[in-house]
N, C-alpha and C. Protein backbone atom coordinates (compact mmCIF):
# COMPACT_ATOMS: atom_id res chain seq x y z
N ALA A 1 16.47 42.49 140.54
CA ALA A 1 17.73 42.73 140.25
C ALA A 1 17.21 44.21 139.56
N TYR A 2 16.49 43.58 138.57
CA TYR A 2 15.93 45.07 137.44
C TYR A 2 15.50 46.73 138.55
N ASN A 3 14.60 46.58 139.74
CA ASN A 3 13.46 47.50 140.38
C ASN A 3 14.92 47.99 141.04
N VAL A 4 16.17 46.73 142.00
CA VAL A 4 17.37 47.44 143.09
C VAL A 4 18.18 48.56 141.76
N LEU A 5 18.01 47.90 140.83
CA LEU A 5 19.17 48.83 139.01
C LEU A 5 18.37 50.34 139.12
N LYS A 6 17.25 49.92 138.75
CA LYS A 6 16.22 51.36 138.59
C LYS A 6 15.76 52.32 139.45
N GLN A 7 16.28 51.80 140.70
CA GLN A 7 15.42 52.97 142.17
C GLN A 7 17.26 53.07 142.28
N ASN A 8 17.92 52.92 142.02
CA ASN A 8 19.27 52.99 142.37
C ASN A 8 20.11 53.51 141.07
N GLU A 9 19.25 53.94 140.00
CA GLU A 9 19.81 55.48 138.84
C GLU A 9 20.94 55.79 139.22
N ASN A 10 21.77 55.97 138.98
CA ASN A 10 22.90 56.37 139.25
C ASN A 10 24.18 56.97 138.40
N HIS A 11 24.28 57.39 137.15
CA HIS A 11 24.77 58.09 136.39
C HIS A 11 24.95 56.47 134.67
N TYR A 12 23.47 56.33 135.61
CA TYR A 12 23.24 55.38 134.09
C TYR A 12 22.06 54.85 133.90
N LYS A 13 21.84 54.78 133.09
CA LYS A 13 20.06 53.80 132.75
C LYS A 13 20.00 52.66 132.71
N VAL A 14 18.54 52.07 133.01
CA VAL A 14 19.14 50.37 133.53
C VAL A 14 17.31 50.16 132.24
N TYR A 15 17.46 49.35 131.48
CA TYR A 15 15.70 49.32 130.07
C TYR A 15 15.80 48.00 131.27
N LYS A 16 14.81 47.34 130.71
CA LYS A 16 13.99 46.15 130.52
C LYS A 16 14.46 45.71 128.86
N ARG A 17 14.68 44.26 128.21
CA ARG A 17 14.84 44.91 127.49
C ARG A 17 13.73 45.33 125.44
N GLY A 18 13.27 44.99 126.27
CA GLY A 18 11.86 45.52 125.12
C GLY A 18 11.77 46.78 125.40
N GLU A 19 12.12 47.50 126.08
CA GLU A 19 12.11 48.98 126.78
C GLU A 19 13.51 49.70 126.01
N VAL A 20 14.25 48.72 125.73
CA VAL A 20 15.09 49.70 125.37
C VAL A 20 15.18 50.84 124.83
N PRO A 21 15.37 52.51 124.68
CA PRO A 21 15.12 52.93 122.93
C PRO A 21 15.92 52.37 121.95
N GLU A 22 14.15 52.28 120.97
CA GLU A 22 14.58 51.82 119.39
C GLU A 22 16.02 52.32 118.96
N TYR A 23 16.61 53.27 118.82
CA TYR A 23 17.55 53.46 118.08
C TYR A 23 19.03 53.07 118.60
N PHE A 24 18.72 51.69 119.68
CA PHE A 24 19.87 51.24 119.86
C PHE A 24 20.03 49.72 119.13
N HIS A 25 18.49 49.45 119.33
CA HIS A 25 18.97 48.21 117.91
C HIS A 25 18.29 46.40 118.78
N PHE A 26 18.24 46.49 120.77
CA PHE A 26 18.60 45.64 120.86
C PHE A 26 17.05 45.23 120.95
N ASN A 27 16.31 45.88 121.30
CA ASN A 27 14.81 45.08 121.75
C ASN A 27 15.02 43.78 120.65
N ASP A 28 14.94 43.30 119.75
CA ASP A 28 14.84 42.21 119.34
C ASP A 28 16.06 41.53 118.88
N ASN A 29 16.71 41.45 119.16
CA ASN A 29 18.11 41.17 119.59
C ASN A 29 18.09 39.92 120.39
N PRO A 30 18.48 38.62 119.44
CA PRO A 30 18.02 37.49 120.40
C PRO A 30 19.09 37.37 121.44
N LEU A 31 20.64 38.30 120.98
CA LEU A 31 21.50 38.42 122.18
C LEU A 31 22.14 38.91 123.43
N ILE A 32 21.11 39.80 123.05
CA ILE A 32 20.82 40.72 124.40
C ILE A 32 19.57 40.49 125.61
N SER A 33 20.39 40.39 125.96
CA SER A 33 19.79 39.77 128.43
C SER A 33 18.82 40.85 128.80
N ASP A 34 18.03 40.41 129.77
CA ASP A 34 16.82 41.15 129.66
C ASP A 34 16.72 42.10 130.45
N ILE A 35 18.23 42.11 131.14
CA ILE A 35 18.47 43.57 131.58
C ILE A 35 19.34 44.53 130.75
N VAL A 36 19.37 45.70 130.13
CA VAL A 36 21.08 46.41 129.98
C VAL A 36 21.12 48.10 130.82
N ILE A 37 21.88 47.77 131.08
CA ILE A 37 22.20 49.15 131.73
C ILE A 37 23.27 49.23 130.44
N VAL A 38 22.96 51.08 130.73
CA VAL A 38 24.16 52.18 129.65
C VAL A 38 24.63 53.41 130.34
N ALA A 39 25.97 53.59 130.73
CA ALA A 39 26.33 54.42 131.28
C ALA A 39 25.99 55.70 130.58
N ASP A 40 26.44 56.72 131.61
CA ASP A 40 26.15 57.99 131.00
C ASP A 40 27.75 58.06 130.65
N LEU A 41 27.26 58.88 129.64
CA LEU A 41 28.73 59.47 128.96
C LEU A 41 29.67 59.91 130.18
N GLY A 42 31.11 59.59 130.04
CA GLY A 42 31.67 59.93 130.68
C GLY A 42 32.28 58.85 132.01
N TRP A 43 30.76 57.56 131.94
CA TRP A 43 31.50 56.76 133.71
C TRP A 43 31.10 55.34 132.62
N SER A 44 31.67 54.33 133.67
CA SER A 44 32.00 53.00 133.23
C SER A 44 31.40 52.69 134.06
N LEU A 45 31.02 51.19 133.99
CA LEU A 45 30.01 50.17 134.37
C LEU A 45 30.86 49.02 134.81
N ILE A 46 31.42 48.83 135.88
CA ILE A 46 32.49 47.86 135.48
C ILE A 46 32.24 47.11 136.81
N ILE A 47 32.59 45.54 137.21
CA ILE A 47 32.42 44.44 138.20
C ILE A 47 33.45 44.96 139.10
N ASN A 48 33.00 44.35 140.82
CA ASN A 48 33.85 45.08 141.73
C ASN A 48 35.16 44.07 141.68
N LYS A 49 35.01 42.56 141.15
CA LYS A 49 36.57 42.96 140.80
C LYS A 49 37.69 43.08 139.82
N ASP A 50 37.00 44.01 138.70
CA ASP A 50 37.89 44.76 138.08
C ASP A 50 38.41 45.78 138.10
N ILE A 51 38.16 46.44 139.88
CA ILE A 51 38.19 47.97 140.15
C ILE A 51 39.20 48.28 140.05
N GLU A 52 40.32 46.93 140.94
CA GLU A 52 41.52 47.29 140.77
C GLU A 52 42.60 47.35 139.49
N ARG A 53 41.93 46.59 138.72
CA ARG A 53 42.87 46.29 137.24
C ARG A 53 42.27 47.80 136.49
N MET A 54 40.90 47.93 136.43
CA MET A 54 40.45 49.33 135.61
C MET A 54 41.74 50.72 136.65
N LYS A 55 41.71 50.81 137.19
CA LYS A 55 42.70 51.65 137.82
C LYS A 55 44.07 51.53 137.39
N LYS A 56 44.50 50.56 137.64
CA LYS A 56 46.24 49.99 136.60
C LYS A 56 46.15 50.51 135.20
N TYR A 57 45.27 50.45 135.02
CA TYR A 57 45.52 50.26 133.01
C TYR A 57 44.23 51.24 132.44
N SER A 58 43.38 51.72 132.82
CA SER A 58 42.77 52.36 132.56
C SER A 58 43.00 53.68 131.80
N ARG A 59 43.13 54.60 130.97
CA ARG A 59 43.56 55.25 129.40
C ARG A 59 42.20 55.91 129.54
N GLY A 60 41.39 56.34 130.39
CA GLY A 60 40.10 57.35 130.33
C GLY A 60 39.52 56.63 128.51
N GLY A 61 39.30 55.51 128.08
CA GLY A 61 39.00 55.43 126.63
C GLY A 61 37.84 54.27 127.00
N ASN A 62 37.04 54.65 126.54
CA ASN A 62 35.94 53.74 126.19
C ASN A 62 34.59 53.59 125.39
N HIS A 63 33.81 52.61 125.22
CA HIS A 63 32.79 52.71 124.54
C HIS A 63 31.23 52.19 124.91
N GLY A 64 30.10 51.84 124.06
CA GLY A 64 29.05 52.01 124.49
C GLY A 64 28.28 52.34 124.80
N TYR A 65 28.22 54.24 124.68
CA TYR A 65 27.79 54.48 125.48
C TYR A 65 26.20 55.29 124.24
N ASP A 66 26.12 55.72 124.97
CA ASP A 66 24.79 56.46 123.91
C ASP A 66 24.68 57.37 122.61
N ASN A 67 24.50 56.42 121.24
CA ASN A 67 25.27 57.34 120.28
C ASN A 67 24.61 58.54 119.42
N HIS A 68 23.54 58.23 120.54
CA HIS A 68 22.96 60.35 120.50
C HIS A 68 23.78 61.52 121.22
N GLN A 69 24.82 60.87 121.56
CA GLN A 69 25.67 62.11 122.62
C GLN A 69 26.72 62.50 121.50
N MET A 70 26.94 64.03 121.01
CA MET A 70 27.49 64.42 120.27
C MET A 70 28.98 63.38 120.68
N ASP A 71 29.16 63.31 121.90
CA ASP A 71 30.74 63.22 121.55
C ASP A 71 31.05 61.81 121.65
N MET A 72 30.02 61.01 121.91
CA MET A 72 29.77 59.77 120.80
C MET A 72 30.32 59.73 119.40
N HIS A 73 30.02 61.21 118.65
CA HIS A 73 30.23 60.82 116.80
C HIS A 73 31.51 60.88 116.51
N ALA A 74 31.90 60.46 115.61
CA ALA A 74 33.40 60.06 115.07
C ALA A 74 34.05 61.32 113.89
N SER A 75 34.84 61.51 113.39
CA SER A 75 35.31 61.93 112.22
C SER A 75 34.82 61.38 110.76
N PHE A 76 34.78 61.43 109.98
CA PHE A 76 34.76 61.01 108.62
C PHE A 76 35.46 61.18 107.77
N PHE A 77 36.75 60.56 107.13
CA PHE A 77 37.07 61.39 106.17
C PHE A 77 37.44 60.24 104.94
N ALA A 78 37.13 61.00 103.50
CA ALA A 78 36.74 60.02 102.80
C ALA A 78 37.09 60.73 101.56
N MET A 79 38.35 60.56 101.26
CA MET A 79 39.82 61.00 99.65
C MET A 79 39.03 59.72 98.40
N GLY A 80 39.18 60.00 97.25
CA GLY A 80 39.24 59.15 96.15
C GLY A 80 37.90 59.57 95.22
N PRO A 81 38.47 58.90 93.98
CA PRO A 81 37.44 59.25 93.00
C PRO A 81 36.53 59.16 93.30
N ALA A 82 35.78 58.68 93.91
CA ALA A 82 33.95 57.99 94.14
C ALA A 82 33.51 59.21 94.84
N PHE A 83 34.36 59.79 95.66
CA PHE A 83 34.18 61.56 97.21
C PHE A 83 33.92 62.78 95.90
N LYS A 84 33.17 63.33 96.46
CA LYS A 84 33.24 64.84 95.86
C LYS A 84 34.93 65.52 96.59
N LYS A 85 35.45 66.68 96.13
CA LYS A 85 36.31 66.64 96.29
C LYS A 85 35.86 67.90 97.05
N GLY A 86 36.30 67.76 98.46
CA GLY A 86 36.62 69.08 99.43
C GLY A 86 34.77 69.20 99.69
N TYR A 87 34.22 68.82 99.46
CA TYR A 87 33.27 67.94 100.21
C TYR A 87 32.82 68.18 102.04
N LYS A 88 32.16 69.35 103.11
CA LYS A 88 31.98 69.29 103.98
C LYS A 88 30.44 69.08 104.58
N THR A 89 29.97 68.13 105.36
CA THR A 89 28.71 67.49 106.20
C THR A 89 28.74 67.26 107.63
N GLY A 90 27.83 67.49 107.73
CA GLY A 90 27.49 67.89 109.28
C GLY A 90 27.53 65.53 109.65
N THR A 91 26.69 65.45 110.57
CA THR A 91 26.73 64.04 110.98
C THR A 91 26.59 62.67 110.38
N LEU A 92 27.07 61.17 109.96
CA LEU A 92 27.28 60.41 109.61
C LEU A 92 26.68 59.56 110.39
N LEU A 93 26.09 58.57 109.75
CA LEU A 93 25.53 56.94 110.31
C LEU A 93 27.09 55.71 110.48
N ASN A 94 27.45 55.72 111.57
CA ASN A 94 28.34 54.40 111.14
C ASN A 94 27.95 53.86 110.36
N ILE A 95 27.29 52.88 110.88
CA ILE A 95 26.22 51.47 110.35
C ILE A 95 26.04 52.24 108.21
N ASP A 96 25.62 53.41 107.99
CA ASP A 96 25.68 53.11 106.65
C ASP A 96 26.86 53.85 105.90
N VAL A 97 28.33 52.93 106.19
CA VAL A 97 29.59 53.33 105.23
C VAL A 97 29.34 52.02 104.73
N TYR A 98 29.03 50.20 105.43
CA TYR A 98 29.02 49.83 104.87
C TYR A 98 28.72 49.18 103.80
N PRO A 99 26.96 50.33 103.54
CA PRO A 99 26.28 50.10 102.07
C PRO A 99 27.30 51.29 101.09
N LEU A 100 27.34 51.92 101.78
CA LEU A 100 28.42 52.87 100.93
C LEU A 100 29.54 52.56 100.17
N LEU A 101 30.41 51.93 101.10
CA LEU A 101 31.55 50.78 100.72
C LEU A 101 30.96 49.86 99.38
N CYS A 102 29.73 49.01 99.74
CA CYS A 102 29.26 48.45 98.95
C CYS A 102 29.09 49.21 97.80
N LYS A 103 28.78 49.99 97.89
CA LYS A 103 28.51 50.83 96.05
C LYS A 103 29.90 51.05 95.36
N ILE A 104 30.55 52.03 96.12
CA ILE A 104 31.67 52.28 95.35
C ILE A 104 32.72 50.30 94.64
N PHE A 105 32.41 49.76 96.04
CA PHE A 105 33.48 48.69 95.08
C PHE A 105 32.43 47.68 94.35
N ASN A 106 30.53 47.52 94.55
CA ASN A 106 30.07 46.96 93.45
C ASN A 106 29.73 45.27 93.71
N ILE A 107 30.07 45.60 95.08
CA ILE A 107 29.13 44.45 96.11
C ILE A 107 28.15 44.17 96.86
N ILE A 108 27.09 43.31 96.39
CA ILE A 108 25.81 43.14 96.82
C ILE A 108 26.16 43.47 98.43
N PRO A 109 25.21 44.14 99.06
CA PRO A 109 25.72 44.75 100.63
C PRO A 109 24.70 43.04 101.13
N SER A 110 24.65 42.80 101.94
CA SER A 110 23.96 41.39 102.98
C SER A 110 23.01 42.40 103.62
N PRO A 111 21.25 41.34 103.03
CA PRO A 111 20.47 42.35 103.31
C PRO A 111 19.60 42.86 105.24
N ASN A 112 20.61 41.79 106.02
CA ASN A 112 20.03 42.48 107.40
C ASN A 112 20.73 43.16 107.63
N ILE A 113 21.15 44.64 107.92
CA ILE A 113 21.79 44.99 107.57
C ILE A 113 21.02 46.64 108.10
N ASP A 114 21.30 47.24 108.53
CA ASP A 114 20.50 48.69 110.19
C ASP A 114 20.64 49.95 108.78
N GLY A 115 22.38 49.54 108.41
CA GLY A 115 22.35 51.25 107.59
C GLY A 115 21.58 51.12 106.32
N LYS A 116 21.80 51.80 106.03
CA LYS A 116 21.08 52.66 103.96
C LYS A 116 21.57 53.58 103.41
N LEU A 117 22.40 53.34 102.27
CA LEU A 117 23.05 53.94 101.26
C LEU A 117 22.06 55.62 100.66
N GLU A 118 21.31 55.25 101.01
CA GLU A 118 19.92 56.54 100.95
C GLU A 118 20.37 57.30 102.02
N ARG A 119 21.23 57.84 102.83
CA ARG A 119 21.61 58.21 104.20
C ARG A 119 22.99 58.65 103.75
N ILE A 120 23.83 58.31 103.15
CA ILE A 120 25.24 58.56 102.45
C ILE A 120 25.05 58.62 101.49
N GLU A 121 24.74 58.26 100.25
CA GLU A 121 25.53 58.39 98.92
C GLU A 121 25.53 59.87 98.67
N PHE A 122 25.09 61.08 99.28
CA PHE A 122 24.92 62.04 98.83
C PHE A 122 27.07 62.66 98.83
N ILE A 123 27.55 61.72 99.87
CA ILE A 123 28.73 62.60 99.48
C ILE A 123 29.56 61.55 98.59
N LEU A 124 28.69 61.66 97.98
CA LEU A 124 29.48 60.45 96.37
C LEU A 124 29.94 61.07 95.60
N ASN A 125 30.93 61.15 94.51
CA ASN A 125 30.66 62.53 93.31
C ASN A 125 29.78 61.88 92.40
N GLU A 126 29.54 62.92 92.11
CA GLU A 126 27.49 62.36 90.33
C GLU A 126 28.28 61.79 89.62
N ASN A 127 30.06 61.82 89.36
CA ASN A 127 29.89 60.92 87.59
C ASN A 127 30.23 59.61 87.91
């Protein structure tokens, strides 16, 4: 199956689990299948039985694309006494929001996360 998918890559990338780019954090996850397919931005992966349903109900939104694509970045707004007023920054990683919220609410974060407070804490008020 992998060889057929690899030979016919068109608007998607196919990987063996151990070959998925590291930034996906898939390689060591036991829940990830042996073959991983990632659609190119703007394309969807569906099985044949879902084609008619997709035509009827699709509103154009989707998820699961490569998070290095700028179109996959989200807007982040933060207000309140914990944050710098009027501060603007570039891209933040969604996975870093959890340790940020833990710091604000004085909660000990779970140790098995990919998020890092060090990458996002600069948006916090220094008081």
